[in-house]
Amino acid sequence: MLIKYKKSFEKIAMGLLSFMPDEKEVKKLQSTIKEYENNDDWQLFLWKDEDILGAIGARFNNEQMIVQHISVTPSHRNQGIGKEMVKALKDQYQEQYEICGDGQTKDFFDQCE
């Protein structure tokens, strides 16, 4: 199930986002989390089964929702969780926005179609 990020999930979200290639550096990761917390055009969602297993983050640009982060815990990869997150995001937002991936997520996002 896709849930919206809240501050109480900060450490979990940072851990998940740290698996993204451009988010390895702690200062960059902290900056990204702050952007999700403070910028109304950025939204971070977490995938919760029994535990939180993944994160998907997007920024809104007019009528577009651009997915810029997709991450799943290494022990739960290749189980379809990333695809489920993309599907859940589309189910929730595709009537309002054109949803696409960015440079980091485009290949995976396109595979989910």
PDB file of N, CA and C in Angstrom:
ATOM      1  N   MET A   1       0.844  -1.167   0.000  1.00  0.00           N
ATOM      2  CA  MET A   1       0.000   0.000   0.000  1.00  0.00           C
ATOM      3  C   MET A   1       0.895   1.239   0.000  1.00  0.00           C
ATOM      4  N   LEU A   2       0.501   2.215  -0.807  1.00  0.00           N
ATOM      5  CA  LEU A   2       1.238   3.474  -0.914  1.00  0.00           C
ATOM      6  C   LEU A   2       0.751   4.444   0.163  1.00  0.00           C
ATOM      7  N   ILE A   3       1.681   4.969   0.966  1.00  0.00           N
ATOM      8  CA  ILE A   3       1.326   5.952   1.991  1.00  0.00           C
ATOM      9  C   ILE A   3       2.186   7.197   1.797  1.00  0.00           C
ATOM     10  N   LYS A   4       1.661   8.337   2.192  1.00  0.00           N
ATOM     11  CA  LYS A   4       2.413   9.579   2.079  1.00  0.00           C
ATOM     12  C   LYS A   4       3.473   9.651   3.166  1.00  0.00           C
ATOM     13  N   TYR A   5       4.610  10.189   2.783  1.00  0.00           N
ATOM     14  CA  TYR A   5       5.719  10.394   3.716  1.00  0.00           C
ATOM     15  C   TYR A   5       5.311  11.368   4.813  1.00  0.00           C
ATOM     16  N   LYS A   6       5.747  11.084   6.028  1.00  0.00           N
ATOM     17  CA  LYS A   6       5.665  12.046   7.121  1.00  0.00           C
ATOM     18  C   LYS A   6       6.987  12.024   7.870  1.00  0.00           C
ATOM     19  N   LYS A   7       7.228  13.058   8.608  1.00  0.00           N
ATOM     20  CA  LYS A   7       8.504  13.271   9.295  1.00  0.00           C
ATOM     21  C   LYS A   7       8.917  12.067  10.146  1.00  0.00           C
ATOM     22  N   SER A   8       7.957  11.375  10.731  1.00  0.00           N
ATOM     23  CA  SER A   8       8.300  10.228  11.586  1.00  0.00           C
ATOM     24  C   SER A   8       8.952   9.081  10.797  1.00  0.00           C
ATOM     25  N   PHE A   9       8.843   9.113   9.465  1.00  0.00           N
ATOM     26  CA  PHE A   9       9.462   8.100   8.612  1.00  0.00           C
ATOM     27  C   PHE A   9      10.792   8.571   8.026  1.00  0.00           C
ATOM     28  N   GLU A  10      11.341   9.666   8.543  1.00  0.00           N
ATOM     29  CA  GLU A  10      12.522  10.281   7.936  1.00  0.00           C
ATOM     30  C   GLU A  10      13.699   9.311   7.790  1.00  0.00           C
ATOM     31  N   LYS A  11      14.059   8.606   8.838  1.00  0.00           N
ATOM     32  CA  LYS A  11      15.231   7.718   8.774  1.00  0.00           C
ATOM     33  C   LYS A  11      15.006   6.582   7.775  1.00  0.00           C
ATOM     34  N   ILE A  12      13.824   6.026   7.766  1.00  0.00           N
ATOM     35  CA  ILE A  12      13.504   4.951   6.821  1.00  0.00           C
ATOM     36  C   ILE A  12      13.577   5.482   5.391  1.00  0.00           C
ATOM     37  N   ALA A  13      12.977   6.648   5.166  1.00  0.00           N
ATOM     38  CA  ALA A  13      12.981   7.242   3.830  1.00  0.00           C
ATOM     39  C   ALA A  13      14.397   7.561   3.376  1.00  0.00           C
ATOM     40  N   MET A  14      15.212   8.092   4.262  1.00  0.00           N
ATOM     41  CA  MET A  14      16.604   8.394   3.903  1.00  0.00           C
ATOM     42  C   MET A  14      17.359   7.112   3.552  1.00  0.00           C
ATOM     43  N   GLY A  15      17.118   6.060   4.302  1.00  0.00           N
ATOM     44  CA  GLY A  15      17.757   4.789   4.005  1.00  0.00           C
ATOM     45  C   GLY A  15      17.364   4.274   2.630  1.00  0.00           C
ATOM     46  N   LEU A  16      16.088   4.368   2.304  1.00  0.00           N
ATOM     47  CA  LEU A  16      15.620   3.904   0.998  1.00  0.00           C
ATOM     48  C   LEU A  16      16.162   4.774  -0.132  1.00  0.00           C
ATOM     49  N   LEU A  17      16.113   6.083   0.050  1.00  0.00           N
ATOM     50  CA  LEU A  17      16.605   6.981  -1.003  1.00  0.00           C
ATOM     51  C   LEU A  17      18.117   6.853  -1.189  1.00  0.00           C
ATOM     52  N   SER A  18      18.827   6.415  -0.161  1.00  0.00           N
ATOM     53  CA  SER A  18      20.284   6.281  -0.279  1.00  0.00           C
ATOM     54  C   SER A  18      20.682   5.216  -1.299  1.00  0.00           C
ATOM     55  N   PHE A  19      19.751   4.360  -1.709  1.00  0.00           N
ATOM     56  CA  PHE A  19      20.040   3.365  -2.739  1.00  0.00           C
ATOM     57  C   PHE A  19      20.031   3.968  -4.141  1.00  0.00           C
ATOM     58  N   MET A  20      19.520   5.200  -4.279  1.00  0.00           N
ATOM     59  CA  MET A  20      19.527   5.869  -5.580  1.00  0.00           C
ATOM     60  C   MET A  20      20.947   6.352  -5.868  1.00  0.00           C
ATOM     61  N   PRO A  21      21.424   6.206  -7.109  1.00  0.00           N
ATOM     62  CA  PRO A  21      22.818   6.571  -7.433  1.00  0.00           C
ATOM     63  C   PRO A  21      23.206   8.005  -7.062  1.00  0.00           C
ATOM     64  N   ASP A  22      22.317   8.961  -7.236  1.00  0.00           N
ATOM     65  CA  ASP A  22      22.651  10.361  -6.955  1.00  0.00           C
ATOM     66  C   ASP A  22      22.420  10.762  -5.504  1.00  0.00           C
ATOM     67  N   GLU A  23      22.026   9.834  -4.665  1.00  0.00           N
ATOM     68  CA  GLU A  23      21.691  10.159  -3.272  1.00  0.00           C
ATOM     69  C   GLU A  23      22.621   9.482  -2.272  1.00  0.00           C
ATOM     70  N   LYS A  24      23.791   9.110  -2.691  1.00  0.00           N
ATOM     71  CA  LYS A  24      24.724   8.388  -1.811  1.00  0.00           C
ATOM     72  C   LYS A  24      25.335   9.287  -0.733  1.00  0.00           C
ATOM     73  N   GLU A  25      25.575  10.537  -1.071  1.00  0.00           N
ATOM     74  CA  GLU A  25      26.213  11.477  -0.158  1.00  0.00           C
ATOM     75  C   GLU A  25      25.198  11.975   0.881  1.00  0.00           C
ATOM     76  N   VAL A  26      25.584  11.973   2.158  1.00  0.00           N
ATOM     77  CA  VAL A  26      24.661  12.303   3.245  1.00  0.00           C
ATOM     78  C   VAL A  26      24.073  13.708   3.094  1.00  0.00           C
ATOM     79  N   LYS A  27      24.894  14.699   2.774  1.00  0.00           N
ATOM     80  CA  LYS A  27      24.385  16.067   2.641  1.00  0.00           C
ATOM     81  C   LYS A  27      23.361  16.178   1.515  1.00  0.00           C
ATOM     82  N   LYS A  28      23.598  15.497   0.416  1.00  0.00           N
ATOM     83  CA  LYS A  28      22.653  15.497  -0.709  1.00  0.00           C
ATOM     84  C   LYS A  28      21.355  14.825  -0.288  1.00  0.00           C
ATOM     85  N   LEU A  29      21.461  13.723   0.415  1.00  0.00           N
ATOM     86  CA  LEU A  29      20.302  12.988   0.900  1.00  0.00           C
ATOM     87  C   LEU A  29      19.472  13.834   1.870  1.00  0.00           C
ATOM     88  N   GLN A  30      20.136  14.521   2.784  1.00  0.00           N
ATOM     89  CA  GLN A  30      19.430  15.401   3.724  1.00  0.00           C
ATOM     90  C   GLN A  30      18.728  16.531   2.984  1.00  0.00           C
ATOM     91  N   SER A  31      19.386  17.065   1.986  1.00  0.00           N
ATOM     92  CA  SER A  31      18.792  18.131   1.174  1.00  0.00           C
ATOM     93  C   SER A  31      17.548  17.631   0.438  1.00  0.00           C
ATOM     94  N   THR A  32      17.625  16.422  -0.094  1.00  0.00           N
ATOM     95  CA  THR A  32      16.482  15.841  -0.814  1.00  0.00           C
ATOM     96  C   THR A  32      15.302  15.639   0.128  1.00  0.00           C
ATOM     97  N   ILE A  33      15.548  15.098   1.303  1.00  0.00           N
ATOM     98  CA  ILE A  33      14.465  14.884   2.277  1.00  0.00           C
ATOM     99  C   ILE A  33      13.843  16.213   2.678  1.00  0.00           C
ATOM    100  N   LYS A  34      14.664  17.226   2.912  1.00  0.00           N
ATOM    101  CA  LYS A  34      14.136  18.556   3.270  1.00  0.00           C
ATOM    102  C   LYS A  34      13.260  19.107   2.146  1.00  0.00           C
ATOM    103  N   GLU A  35      13.679  18.862   0.909  1.00  0.00           N
ATOM    104  CA  GLU A  35      12.889  19.326  -0.241  1.00  0.00           C
ATOM    105  C   GLU A  35      11.517  18.644  -0.244  1.00  0.00           C
ATOM    106  N   TYR A  36      11.482  17.350   0.024  1.00  0.00           N
ATOM    107  CA  TYR A  36      10.201  16.642   0.096  1.00  0.00           C
ATOM    108  C   TYR A  36       9.340  17.166   1.246  1.00  0.00           C
ATOM    109  N   GLU A  37       9.979  17.560   2.333  1.00  0.00           N
ATOM    110  CA  GLU A  37       9.221  18.053   3.488  1.00  0.00           C
ATOM    111  C   GLU A  37       8.706  19.475   3.286  1.00  0.00           C
ATOM    112  N   ASN A  38       9.459  20.303   2.560  1.00  0.00           N
ATOM    113  CA  ASN A  38       9.140  21.734   2.499  1.00  0.00           C
ATOM    114  C   ASN A  38       8.586  22.236   1.175  1.00  0.00           C
ATOM    115  N   ASN A  39       8.771  21.501   0.101  1.00  0.00           N
ATOM    116  CA  ASN A  39       8.344  21.953  -1.213  1.00  0.00           C
ATOM    117  C   ASN A  39       7.017  21.287  -1.570  1.00  0.00           C
ATOM    118  N   ASP A  40       5.981  22.071  -1.726  1.00  0.00           N
ATOM    119  CA  ASP A  40       4.654  21.531  -2.048  1.00  0.00           C
ATOM    120  C   ASP A  40       4.617  20.847  -3.407  1.00  0.00           C
ATOM    121  N   ASP A  41       5.575  21.128  -4.281  1.00  0.00           N
ATOM    122  CA  ASP A  41       5.617  20.510  -5.609  1.00  0.00           C
ATOM    123  C   ASP A  41       6.350  19.166  -5.602  1.00  0.00           C
ATOM    124  N   TRP A  42       6.873  18.747  -4.458  1.00  0.00           N
ATOM    125  CA  TRP A  42       7.552  17.463  -4.329  1.00  0.00           C
ATOM    126  C   TRP A  42       6.733  16.592  -3.376  1.00  0.00           C
ATOM    127  N   GLN A  43       6.531  15.337  -3.746  1.00  0.00           N
ATOM    128  CA  GLN A  43       5.769  14.432  -2.888  1.00  0.00           C
ATOM    129  C   GLN A  43       6.483  13.081  -2.821  1.00  0.00           C
ATOM    130  N   LEU A  44       6.683  12.578  -1.621  1.00  0.00           N
ATOM    131  CA  LEU A  44       7.327  11.286  -1.403  1.00  0.00           C
ATOM    132  C   LEU A  44       6.294  10.325  -0.824  1.00  0.00           C
ATOM    133  N   PHE A  45       6.279   9.115  -1.382  1.00  0.00           N
ATOM    134  CA  PHE A  45       5.385   8.067  -0.914  1.00  0.00           C
ATOM    135  C   PHE A  45       6.231   6.871  -0.499  1.00  0.00           C
ATOM    136  N   LEU A  46       5.729   6.138   0.464  1.00  0.00           N
ATOM    137  CA  LEU A  46       6.404   4.928   0.924  1.00  0.00           C
ATOM    138  C   LEU A  46       5.497   3.740   0.659  1.00  0.00           C
ATOM    139  N   TRP A  47       6.103   2.605   0.355  1.00  0.00           N
ATOM    140  CA  TRP A  47       5.345   1.378   0.124  1.00  0.00           C
ATOM    141  C   TRP A  47       5.386   0.555   1.396  1.00  0.00           C
ATOM    142  N   LYS A  48       4.197   0.314   1.950  1.00  0.00           N
ATOM    143  CA  LYS A  48       4.124  -0.425   3.205  1.00  0.00           C
ATOM    144  C   LYS A  48       3.373  -1.726   2.986  1.00  0.00           C
ATOM    145  N   ASP A  49       4.028  -2.807   3.368  1.00  0.00           N
ATOM    146  CA  ASP A  49       3.392  -4.116   3.424  1.00  0.00           C
ATOM    147  C   ASP A  49       3.260  -4.366   4.926  1.00  0.00           C
ATOM    148  N   GLU A  50       4.001  -5.266   5.477  1.00  0.00           N
ATOM    149  CA  GLU A  50       4.081  -5.337   6.938  1.00  0.00           C
ATOM    150  C   GLU A  50       5.063  -4.281   7.427  1.00  0.00           C
ATOM    151  N   ASP A  51       6.117  -4.098   6.667  1.00  0.00           N
ATOM    152  CA  ASP A  51       7.116  -3.072   6.936  1.00  0.00           C
ATOM    153  C   ASP A  51       7.154  -2.125   5.742  1.00  0.00           C
ATOM    154  N   ILE A  52       7.906  -1.046   5.883  1.00  0.00           N
ATOM    155  CA  ILE A  52       8.106  -0.141   4.752  1.00  0.00           C
ATOM    156  C   ILE A  52       9.225  -0.725   3.898  1.00  0.00           C
ATOM    157  N   LEU A  53       8.889  -1.012   2.641  1.00  0.00           N
ATOM    158  CA  LEU A  53       9.817  -1.722   1.764  1.00  0.00           C
ATOM    159  C   LEU A  53      10.322  -0.892   0.598  1.00  0.00           C
ATOM    160  N   GLY A  54       9.676   0.245   0.330  1.00  0.00           N
ATOM    161  CA  GLY A  54      10.082   1.032  -0.830  1.00  0.00           C
ATOM    162  C   GLY A  54       9.672   2.480  -0.706  1.00  0.00           C
ATOM    163  N   ALA A  55      10.218   3.280  -1.615  1.00  0.00           N
ATOM    164  CA  ALA A  55       9.902   4.706  -1.680  1.00  0.00           C
ATOM    165  C   ALA A  55       9.799   5.109  -3.143  1.00  0.00           C
ATOM    166  N   ILE A  56       8.881   6.016  -3.412  1.00  0.00           N
ATOM    167  CA  ILE A  56       8.748   6.587  -4.751  1.00  0.00           C
ATOM    168  C   ILE A  56       8.453   8.071  -4.564  1.00  0.00           C
ATOM    169  N   GLY A  57       9.240   8.894  -5.233  1.00  0.00           N
ATOM    170  CA  GLY A  57       9.105  10.338  -5.073  1.00  0.00           C
ATOM    171  C   GLY A  57       8.917  11.016  -6.408  1.00  0.00           C
ATOM    172  N   ALA A  58       8.115  12.064  -6.404  1.00  0.00           N
ATOM    173  CA  ALA A  58       7.819  12.774  -7.645  1.00  0.00           C
ATOM    174  C   ALA A  58       7.771  14.270  -7.395  1.00  0.00           C
ATOM    175  N   ARG A  59       7.977  15.000  -8.481  1.00  0.00           N
ATOM    176  CA  ARG A  59       7.763  16.448  -8.427  1.00  0.00           C
ATOM    177  C   ARG A  59       6.683  16.778  -9.438  1.00  0.00           C
ATOM    178  N   PHE A  60       5.887  17.772  -9.088  1.00  0.00           N
ATOM    179  CA  PHE A  60       4.784  18.196  -9.931  1.00  0.00           C
ATOM    180  C   PHE A  60       5.220  19.427 -10.714  1.00  0.00           C
ATOM    181  N   ASN A  61       4.961  19.403 -12.010  1.00  0.00           N
ATOM    182  CA  ASN A  61       5.330  20.500 -12.887  1.00  0.00           C
ATOM    183  C   ASN A  61       4.141  20.753 -13.805  1.00  0.00           C
ATOM    184  N   ASN A  62       3.305  21.718 -13.448  1.00  0.00           N
ATOM    185  CA  ASN A  62       2.069  22.021 -14.175  1.00  0.00           C
ATOM    186  C   ASN A  62       1.195  20.776 -14.243  1.00  0.00           C
ATOM    187  N   GLU A  63       1.024  20.196 -15.429  1.00  0.00           N
ATOM    188  CA  GLU A  63       0.152  19.027 -15.569  1.00  0.00           C
ATOM    189  C   GLU A  63       0.935  17.720 -15.584  1.00  0.00           C
ATOM    190  N   GLN A  64       2.206  17.778 -15.230  1.00  0.00           N
ATOM    191  CA  GLN A  64       3.037  16.581 -15.207  1.00  0.00           C
ATOM    192  C   GLN A  64       3.407  16.194 -13.784  1.00  0.00           C
ATOM    193  N   MET A  65       3.490  14.898 -13.573  1.00  0.00           N
ATOM    194  CA  MET A  65       4.052  14.345 -12.343  1.00  0.00           C
ATOM    195  C   MET A  65       5.291  13.580 -12.799  1.00  0.00           C
ATOM    196  N   ILE A  66       6.455  14.034 -12.371  1.00  0.00           N
ATOM    197  CA  ILE A  66       7.714  13.453 -12.831  1.00  0.00           C
ATOM    198  C   ILE A  66       8.311  12.623 -11.700  1.00  0.00           C
ATOM    199  N   VAL A  67       8.347  11.317 -11.897  1.00  0.00           N
ATOM    200  CA  VAL A  67       8.892  10.407 -10.894  1.00  0.00           C
ATOM    201  C   VAL A  67      10.415  10.515 -10.926  1.00  0.00           C
ATOM    202  N   GLN A  68      10.985  10.938  -9.798  1.00  0.00           N
ATOM    203  CA  GLN A  68      12.426  11.181  -9.745  1.00  0.00           C
ATOM    204  C   GLN A  68      13.167  10.222  -8.824  1.00  0.00           C
ATOM    205  N   HIS A  69      12.450   9.492  -7.998  1.00  0.00           N
ATOM    206  CA  HIS A  69      13.070   8.503  -7.107  1.00  0.00           C
ATOM    207  C   HIS A  69      12.195   7.246  -7.071  1.00  0.00           C
ATOM    208  N   ILE A  70      12.813   6.102  -7.222  1.00  0.00           N
ATOM    209  CA  ILE A  70      12.163   4.806  -7.011  1.00  0.00           C
ATOM    210  C   ILE A  70      13.198   3.923  -6.338  1.00  0.00           C
ATOM    211  N   SER A  71      12.847   3.381  -5.189  1.00  0.00           N
ATOM    212  CA  SER A  71      13.808   2.562  -4.453  1.00  0.00           C
ATOM    213  C   SER A  71      13.075   1.488  -3.655  1.00  0.00           C
ATOM    214  N   VAL A  72      13.658   0.292  -3.642  1.00  0.00           N
ATOM    215  CA  VAL A  72      13.121  -0.829  -2.879  1.00  0.00           C
ATOM    216  C   VAL A  72      14.278  -1.403  -2.052  1.00  0.00           C
ATOM    217  N   THR A  73      13.978  -1.844  -0.846  1.00  0.00           N
ATOM    218  CA  THR A  73      15.029  -2.442  -0.020  1.00  0.00           C
ATOM    219  C   THR A  73      15.660  -3.608  -0.780  1.00  0.00           C
ATOM    220  N   PRO A  74      16.974  -3.758  -0.699  1.00  0.00           N
ATOM    221  CA  PRO A  74      17.653  -4.812  -1.465  1.00  0.00           C
ATOM    222  C   PRO A  74      17.091  -6.217  -1.222  1.00  0.00           C
ATOM    223  N   SER A  75      16.694  -6.522  -0.010  1.00  0.00           N
ATOM    224  CA  SER A  75      16.190  -7.867   0.287  1.00  0.00           C
ATOM    225  C   SER A  75      14.810  -8.142  -0.304  1.00  0.00           C
ATOM    226  N   HIS A  76      14.155  -7.112  -0.834  1.00  0.00           N
ATOM    227  CA  HIS A  76      12.820  -7.289  -1.424  1.00  0.00           C
ATOM    228  C   HIS A  76      12.780  -6.934  -2.911  1.00  0.00           C
ATOM    229  N   ARG A  77      13.926  -6.794  -3.524  1.00  0.00           N
ATOM    230  CA  ARG A  77      13.973  -6.472  -4.944  1.00  0.00           C
ATOM    231  C   ARG A  77      13.590  -7.686  -5.782  1.00  0.00           C
ATOM    232  N   ASN A  78      13.220  -7.411  -7.026  1.00  0.00           N
ATOM    233  CA  ASN A  78      12.819  -8.442  -7.993  1.00  0.00           C
ATOM    234  C   ASN A  78      11.574  -9.202  -7.552  1.00  0.00           C
ATOM    235  N   GLN A  79      10.721  -8.541  -6.778  1.00  0.00           N
ATOM    236  CA  GLN A  79       9.459  -9.130  -6.349  1.00  0.00           C
ATOM    237  C   GLN A  79       8.271  -8.321  -6.870  1.00  0.00           C
ATOM    238  N   GLY A  80       8.554  -7.321  -7.718  1.00  0.00           N
ATOM    239  CA  GLY A  80       7.484  -6.527  -8.313  1.00  0.00           C
ATOM    240  C   GLY A  80       7.036  -5.333  -7.487  1.00  0.00           C
ATOM    241  N   ILE A  81       7.724  -5.027  -6.408  1.00  0.00           N
ATOM    242  CA  ILE A  81       7.317  -3.923  -5.537  1.00  0.00           C
ATOM    243  C   ILE A  81       7.461  -2.580  -6.254  1.00  0.00           C
ATOM    244  N   GLY A  82       8.555  -2.383  -6.986  1.00  0.00           N
ATOM    245  CA  GLY A  82       8.738  -1.140  -7.741  1.00  0.00           C
ATOM    246  C   GLY A  82       7.605  -0.931  -8.740  1.00  0.00           C
ATOM    247  N   LYS A  83       7.252  -1.986  -9.453  1.00  0.00           N
ATOM    248  CA  LYS A  83       6.147  -1.899 -10.416  1.00  0.00           C
ATOM    249  C   LYS A  83       4.825  -1.627  -9.719  1.00  0.00           C
ATOM    250  N   GLU A  84       4.627  -2.237  -8.553  1.00  0.00           N
ATOM    251  CA  GLU A  84       3.400  -1.990  -7.784  1.00  0.00           C
ATOM    252  C   GLU A  84       3.317  -0.534  -7.334  1.00  0.00           C
ATOM    253  N   MET A  85       4.457   0.045  -6.947  1.00  0.00           N
ATOM    254  CA  MET A  85       4.463   1.455  -6.540  1.00  0.00           C
ATOM    255  C   MET A  85       4.093   2.352  -7.716  1.00  0.00           C
ATOM    256  N   VAL A  86       4.673   2.082  -8.887  1.00  0.00           N
ATOM    257  CA  VAL A  86       4.356   2.876 -10.078  1.00  0.00           C
ATOM    258  C   VAL A  86       2.877   2.738 -10.419  1.00  0.00           C
ATOM    259  N   LYS A  87       2.357   1.508 -10.380  1.00  0.00           N
ATOM    260  CA  LYS A  87       0.946   1.278 -10.687  1.00  0.00           C
ATOM    261  C   LYS A  87       0.040   2.025  -9.705  1.00  0.00           C
ATOM    262  N   ALA A  88       0.365   1.956  -8.418  1.00  0.00           N
ATOM    263  CA  ALA A  88      -0.447   2.633  -7.396  1.00  0.00           C
ATOM    264  C   ALA A  88      -0.430   4.149  -7.602  1.00  0.00           C
ATOM    265  N   LEU A  89       0.733   4.684  -7.959  1.00  0.00           N
ATOM    266  CA  LEU A  89       0.846   6.122  -8.223  1.00  0.00           C
ATOM    267  C   LEU A  89      -0.012   6.504  -9.423  1.00  0.00           C
ATOM    268  N   LYS A  90       0.064   5.700 -10.471  1.00  0.00           N
ATOM    269  CA  LYS A  90      -0.747   5.968 -11.665  1.00  0.00           C
ATOM    270  C   LYS A  90      -2.233   5.866 -11.349  1.00  0.00           C
ATOM    271  N   ASP A  91      -2.617   4.837 -10.621  1.00  0.00           N
ATOM    272  CA  ASP A  91      -4.027   4.676 -10.259  1.00  0.00           C
ATOM    273  C   ASP A  91      -4.551   5.891  -9.508  1.00  0.00           C
ATOM    274  N   GLN A  92      -3.712   6.466  -8.687  1.00  0.00           N
ATOM    275  CA  GLN A  92      -4.128   7.590  -7.847  1.00  0.00           C
ATOM    276  C   GLN A  92      -4.091   8.932  -8.575  1.00  0.00           C
ATOM    277  N   TYR A  93      -3.161   9.106  -9.533  1.00  0.00           N
ATOM    278  CA  TYR A  93      -2.927  10.442 -10.092  1.00  0.00           C
ATOM    279  C   TYR A  93      -3.079  10.588 -11.604  1.00  0.00           C
ATOM    280  N   GLN A  94      -3.244   9.504 -12.367  1.00  0.00           N
ATOM    281  CA  GLN A  94      -3.176   9.657 -13.807  1.00  0.00           C
ATOM    282  C   GLN A  94      -4.332  10.432 -14.418  1.00  0.00           C
ATOM    283  N   GLU A  95      -5.430  10.580 -13.709  1.00  0.00           N
ATOM    284  CA  GLU A  95      -6.522  11.407 -14.237  1.00  0.00           C
ATOM    285  C   GLU A  95      -6.188  12.891 -14.133  1.00  0.00           C
ATOM    286  N   GLN A  96      -5.313  13.262 -13.206  1.00  0.00           N
ATOM    287  CA  GLN A  96      -4.957  14.662 -12.995  1.00  0.00           C
ATOM    288  C   GLN A  96      -3.656  15.060 -13.681  1.00  0.00           C
ATOM    289  N   TYR A  97      -2.743  14.101 -13.857  1.00  0.00           N
ATOM    290  CA  TYR A  97      -1.408  14.423 -14.356  1.00  0.00           C
ATOM    291  C   TYR A  97      -0.948  13.423 -15.411  1.00  0.00           C
ATOM    292  N   GLU A  98      -0.103  13.913 -16.299  1.00  0.00           N
ATOM    293  CA  GLU A  98       0.674  13.018 -17.159  1.00  0.00           C
ATOM    294  C   GLU A  98       1.847  12.571 -16.296  1.00  0.00           C
ATOM    295  N   ILE A  99       2.026  11.273 -16.126  1.00  0.00           N
ATOM    296  CA  ILE A  99       3.046  10.753 -15.233  1.00  0.00           C
ATOM    297  C   ILE A  99       4.183  10.163 -16.064  1.00  0.00           C
ATOM    298  N   CYS A 100       5.405  10.564 -15.735  1.00  0.00           N
ATOM    299  CA  CYS A 100       6.570  10.079 -16.472  1.00  0.00           C
ATOM    300  C   CYS A 100       7.770   9.996 -15.533  1.00  0.00           C
ATOM    301  N   GLY A 101       8.825   9.329 -15.993  1.00  0.00           N
ATOM    302  CA  GLY A 101      10.061   9.247 -15.235  1.00  0.00           C
ATOM    303  C   GLY A 101      11.019  10.340 -15.659  1.00  0.00           C
ATOM    304  N   ASP A 102      12.041  10.573 -14.861  1.00  0.00           N
ATOM    305  CA  ASP A 102      13.081  11.538 -15.232  1.00  0.00           C
ATOM    306  C   ASP A 102      14.335  10.766 -15.659  1.00  0.00           C
ATOM    307  N   GLY A 103      15.461  11.442 -15.754  1.00  0.00           N
ATOM    308  CA  GLY A 103      16.700  10.809 -16.208  1.00  0.00           C
ATOM    309  C   GLY A 103      17.089   9.569 -15.425  1.00  0.00           C
ATOM    310  N   GLN A 104      16.904   9.579 -14.109  1.00  0.00           N
ATOM    311  CA  GLN A 104      17.286   8.439 -13.271  1.00  0.00           C
ATOM    312  C   GLN A 104      16.264   7.310 -13.306  1.00  0.00           C
ATOM    313  N   THR A 105      15.001   7.640 -13.471  1.00  0.00           N
ATOM    314  CA  THR A 105      13.943   6.643 -13.307  1.00  0.00           C
ATOM    315  C   THR A 105      13.253   6.253 -14.609  1.00  0.00           C
ATOM    316  N   LYS A 106      13.555   6.972 -15.687  1.00  0.00           N
ATOM    317  CA  LYS A 106      12.819   6.776 -16.946  1.00  0.00           C
ATOM    318  C   LYS A 106      12.849   5.333 -17.437  1.00  0.00           C
ATOM    319  N   ASP A 107      14.015   4.700 -17.460  1.00  0.00           N
ATOM    320  CA  ASP A 107      14.106   3.328 -17.970  1.00  0.00           C
ATOM    321  C   ASP A 107      13.230   2.378 -17.172  1.00  0.00           C
ATOM    322  N   PHE A 108      13.325   2.432 -15.843  1.00  0.00           N
ATOM    323  CA  PHE A 108      12.499   1.553 -15.018  1.00  0.00           C
ATOM    324  C   PHE A 108      11.023   1.909 -15.179  1.00  0.00           C
ATOM    325  N   PHE A 109      10.713   3.192 -15.166  1.00  0.00           N
ATOM    326  CA  PHE A 109       9.329   3.637 -15.287  1.00  0.00           C
ATOM    327  C   PHE A 109       8.726   3.134 -16.598  1.00  0.00           C
ATOM    328  N   ASP A 110       9.477   3.237 -17.686  1.00  0.00           N
ATOM    329  CA  ASP A 110       8.985   2.787 -18.992  1.00  0.00           C
ATOM    330  C   ASP A 110       8.769   1.273 -19.017  1.00  0.00           C
ATOM    331  N   GLN A 111       9.573   0.516 -18.282  1.00  0.00           N
ATOM    332  CA  GLN A 111       9.394  -0.935 -18.209  1.00  0.00           C
ATOM    333  C   GLN A 111       8.096  -1.329 -17.494  1.00  0.00           C
ATOM    334  N   CYS A 112       7.592  -0.431 -16.680  1.00  0.00           N
ATOM    335  CA  CYS A 112       6.384  -0.715 -15.902  1.00  0.00           C
ATOM    336  C   CYS A 112       5.111  -0.574 -16.729  1.00  0.00           C
ATOM    337  N   GLU A 113       5.224  -0.042 -17.932  1.00  0.00           N
ATOM    338  CA  GLU A 113       4.030   0.186 -18.748  1.00  0.00           C
ATOM    339  C   GLU A 113       3.600  -1.062 -19.468  1.00  0.00           C
TER     340      GLU A 113
END
